[in-house]
Amino acid sequence: MKKNNYFYFLIFLFLNLFFLPVKSDPILELGKIIFLEQGNCATCHTLADAKSNGNIGPNLNQIKPDIARVINTVTNGIGVMPPYKDLLSTQEIEAVAHYVSITAAE
């Protein structure tokens, strides 16, 4: 009888670990929304996760920028990219930087 209970427990555990929805990262989700909408980043940049194919700015999947680099670039601008410090809040800049740095590295 104890073997059956152990077996059912393992099946239950397996099903819970592999089939329950994974909790999402709200900052990552906010960053994706900003990348696609408010920041309009997808117009100029390629990023596979966002399904964007911009060719004005660098391909983010190729350069794989870290979070500090993205924060600095979005805040202050670089080259033809304008600064977003007056258009996005600090939290929004950090969210989009979080999103880009994580998804570009994949």
C-alpha atoms as a PDB file:
ATOM      1  CA  MET A   1       0.000   0.000   0.000  1.00  0.00           C
ATOM      2  CA  LYS A   2       2.812   2.424   0.772  1.00  0.00           C
ATOM      3  CA  LYS A   3       4.390   1.835  -2.641  1.00  0.00           C
ATOM      4  CA  ASN A   4       1.165   2.903  -4.350  1.00  0.00           C
ATOM      5  CA  ASN A   5       0.994   6.088  -2.272  1.00  0.00           C
ATOM      6  CA  TYR A   6       4.603   6.893  -3.124  1.00  0.00           C
ATOM      7  CA  PHE A   7       3.936   6.273  -6.824  1.00  0.00           C
ATOM      8  CA  TYR A   8       0.889   8.570  -6.834  1.00  0.00           C
ATOM      9  CA  PHE A   9       2.828  11.228  -4.968  1.00  0.00           C
ATOM     10  CA  LEU A  10       5.578  11.139  -7.625  1.00  0.00           C
ATOM     11  CA  ILE A  11       3.022  11.399 -10.430  1.00  0.00           C
ATOM     12  CA  PHE A  12       1.340  14.312  -8.668  1.00  0.00           C
ATOM     13  CA  LEU A  13       4.678  16.051  -8.145  1.00  0.00           C
ATOM     14  CA  PHE A  14       5.715  15.493 -11.755  1.00  0.00           C
ATOM     15  CA  LEU A  15       2.468  16.910 -13.106  1.00  0.00           C
ATOM     16  CA  ASN A  16       2.678  19.978 -10.871  1.00  0.00           C
ATOM     17  CA  LEU A  17       6.284  20.742 -11.725  1.00  0.00           C
ATOM     18  CA  PHE A  18       5.915  20.413 -15.466  1.00  0.00           C
ATOM     19  CA  PHE A  19       2.374  21.437 -16.293  1.00  0.00           C
ATOM     20  CA  LEU A  20       1.493  24.318 -13.999  1.00  0.00           C
ATOM     21  CA  PRO A  21       1.940  27.747 -15.551  1.00  0.00           C
ATOM     22  CA  VAL A  22       5.185  29.472 -14.700  1.00  0.00           C
ATOM     23  CA  LYS A  23       4.818  32.791 -12.929  1.00  0.00           C
ATOM     24  CA  SER A  24       5.893  35.586 -15.193  1.00  0.00           C
ATOM     25  CA  ASP A  25       8.282  38.426 -14.546  1.00  0.00           C
ATOM     26  CA  PRO A  26       6.196  41.642 -14.474  1.00  0.00           C
ATOM     27  CA  ILE A  27       9.243  43.861 -15.094  1.00  0.00           C
ATOM     28  CA  LEU A  28      10.147  41.794 -18.157  1.00  0.00           C
ATOM     29  CA  GLU A  29       6.580  42.092 -19.451  1.00  0.00           C
ATOM     30  CA  LEU A  30       6.549  45.867 -18.870  1.00  0.00           C
ATOM     31  CA  GLY A  31       9.889  46.131 -20.659  1.00  0.00           C
ATOM     32  CA  LYS A  32       8.522  44.293 -23.682  1.00  0.00           C
ATOM     33  CA  ILE A  33       5.503  46.605 -23.841  1.00  0.00           C
ATOM     34  CA  ILE A  34       7.784  49.645 -23.692  1.00  0.00           C
ATOM     35  CA  PHE A  35      10.093  48.151 -26.350  1.00  0.00           C
ATOM     36  CA  LEU A  36       7.148  47.582 -28.689  1.00  0.00           C
ATOM     37  CA  GLU A  37       4.994  50.609 -27.855  1.00  0.00           C
ATOM     38  CA  GLN A  38       6.030  53.642 -25.773  1.00  0.00           C
ATOM     39  CA  GLY A  39       9.736  53.457 -26.566  1.00  0.00           C
ATOM     40  CA  ASN A  40       9.098  52.515 -30.190  1.00  0.00           C
ATOM     41  CA  CYS A  41      12.406  50.585 -30.080  1.00  0.00           C
ATOM     42  CA  ALA A  42      11.165  47.870 -32.454  1.00  0.00           C
ATOM     43  CA  THR A  43      11.127  50.375 -35.297  1.00  0.00           C
ATOM     44  CA  CYS A  44      14.910  50.649 -35.329  1.00  0.00           C
ATOM     45  CA  HIS A  45      16.210  47.530 -33.575  1.00  0.00           C
ATOM     46  CA  THR A  46      16.105  43.814 -34.285  1.00  0.00           C
ATOM     47  CA  LEU A  47      15.232  41.680 -31.273  1.00  0.00           C
ATOM     48  CA  ALA A  48      14.021  38.109 -31.822  1.00  0.00           C
ATOM     49  CA  ASP A  49      11.799  37.949 -28.726  1.00  0.00           C
ATOM     50  CA  ALA A  50       9.942  41.079 -29.839  1.00  0.00           C
ATOM     51  CA  LYS A  51       9.773  39.820 -33.443  1.00  0.00           C
ATOM     52  CA  SER A  52      11.227  43.142 -34.559  1.00  0.00           C
ATOM     53  CA  ASN A  53      13.434  43.551 -37.611  1.00  0.00           C
ATOM     54  CA  GLY A  54      14.607  47.145 -37.523  1.00  0.00           C
ATOM     55  CA  ASN A  55      17.819  47.949 -39.370  1.00  0.00           C
ATOM     56  CA  ILE A  56      18.553  51.519 -38.311  1.00  0.00           C
ATOM     57  CA  GLY A  57      19.984  50.689 -34.891  1.00  0.00           C
ATOM     58  CA  PRO A  58      22.147  47.718 -33.979  1.00  0.00           C
ATOM     59  CA  ASN A  59      20.791  44.181 -33.901  1.00  0.00           C
ATOM     60  CA  LEU A  60      20.367  43.619 -30.159  1.00  0.00           C
ATOM     61  CA  ASN A  61      20.615  39.829 -30.500  1.00  0.00           C
ATOM     62  CA  GLN A  62      24.076  40.237 -31.993  1.00  0.00           C
ATOM     63  CA  ILE A  63      25.531  42.782 -29.568  1.00  0.00           C
ATOM     64  CA  LYS A  64      23.832  41.321 -26.451  1.00  0.00           C
ATOM     65  CA  PRO A  65      24.081  44.510 -24.377  1.00  0.00           C
ATOM     66  CA  ASP A  66      24.137  44.267 -20.603  1.00  0.00           C
ATOM     67  CA  ILE A  67      21.572  46.134 -18.510  1.00  0.00           C
ATOM     68  CA  ALA A  68      23.906  49.043 -17.629  1.00  0.00           C
ATOM     69  CA  ARG A  69      24.686  49.675 -21.298  1.00  0.00           C
ATOM     70  CA  VAL A  70      20.986  49.702 -22.221  1.00  0.00           C
ATOM     71  CA  ILE A  71      20.089  52.034 -19.333  1.00  0.00           C
ATOM     72  CA  ASN A  72      22.831  54.470 -20.339  1.00  0.00           C
ATOM     73  CA  THR A  73      21.939  54.371 -24.032  1.00  0.00           C
ATOM     74  CA  VAL A  74      18.181  54.726 -23.544  1.00  0.00           C
ATOM     75  CA  THR A  75      18.634  57.491 -20.974  1.00  0.00           C
ATOM     76  CA  ASN A  76      21.212  59.585 -22.842  1.00  0.00           C
ATOM     77  CA  GLY A  77      20.887  58.485 -26.459  1.00  0.00           C
ATOM     78  CA  ILE A  78      23.770  57.567 -28.760  1.00  0.00           C
ATOM     79  CA  GLY A  79      24.441  58.307 -32.413  1.00  0.00           C
ATOM     80  CA  VAL A  80      21.102  58.833 -34.175  1.00  0.00           C
ATOM     81  CA  MET A  81      19.181  57.439 -31.200  1.00  0.00           C
ATOM     82  CA  PRO A  82      17.656  60.263 -29.156  1.00  0.00           C
ATOM     83  CA  PRO A  83      17.681  60.314 -25.348  1.00  0.00           C
ATOM     84  CA  TYR A  84      14.523  58.985 -23.713  1.00  0.00           C
ATOM     85  CA  LYS A  85      15.102  60.438 -20.243  1.00  0.00           C
ATOM     86  CA  ASP A  86      12.338  63.010 -20.813  1.00  0.00           C
ATOM     87  CA  LEU A  87       9.947  60.533 -22.473  1.00  0.00           C
ATOM     88  CA  LEU A  88      10.234  57.501 -20.180  1.00  0.00           C
ATOM     89  CA  SER A  89      10.390  57.325 -16.396  1.00  0.00           C
ATOM     90  CA  THR A  90      13.405  55.827 -14.642  1.00  0.00           C
ATOM     91  CA  GLN A  91      11.329  52.712 -13.897  1.00  0.00           C
ATOM     92  CA  GLU A  92      10.312  52.384 -17.561  1.00  0.00           C
ATOM     93  CA  ILE A  93      13.931  52.746 -18.709  1.00  0.00           C
ATOM     94  CA  GLU A  94      15.015  50.107 -16.195  1.00  0.00           C
ATOM     95  CA  ALA A  95      12.207  47.779 -17.334  1.00  0.00           C
ATOM     96  CA  VAL A  96      13.093  48.035 -21.019  1.00  0.00           C
ATOM     97  CA  ALA A  97      16.774  47.579 -20.160  1.00  0.00           C
ATOM     98  CA  HIS A  98      15.903  44.483 -18.130  1.00  0.00           C
ATOM     99  CA  TYR A  99      13.894  43.115 -21.045  1.00  0.00           C
ATOM    100  CA  VAL A 100      16.539  43.807 -23.694  1.00  0.00           C
ATOM    101  CA  SER A 101      19.485  42.540 -21.649  1.00  0.00           C
ATOM    102  CA  ILE A 102      17.746  39.261 -20.791  1.00  0.00           C
ATOM    103  CA  THR A 103      16.106  38.455 -24.113  1.00  0.00           C
ATOM    104  CA  ALA A 104      19.059  39.513 -26.279  1.00  0.00           C
ATOM    105  CA  ALA A 105      21.313  37.178 -24.320  1.00  0.00           C
ATOM    106  CA  GLU A 106      19.128  34.140 -25.091  1.00  0.00           C
END
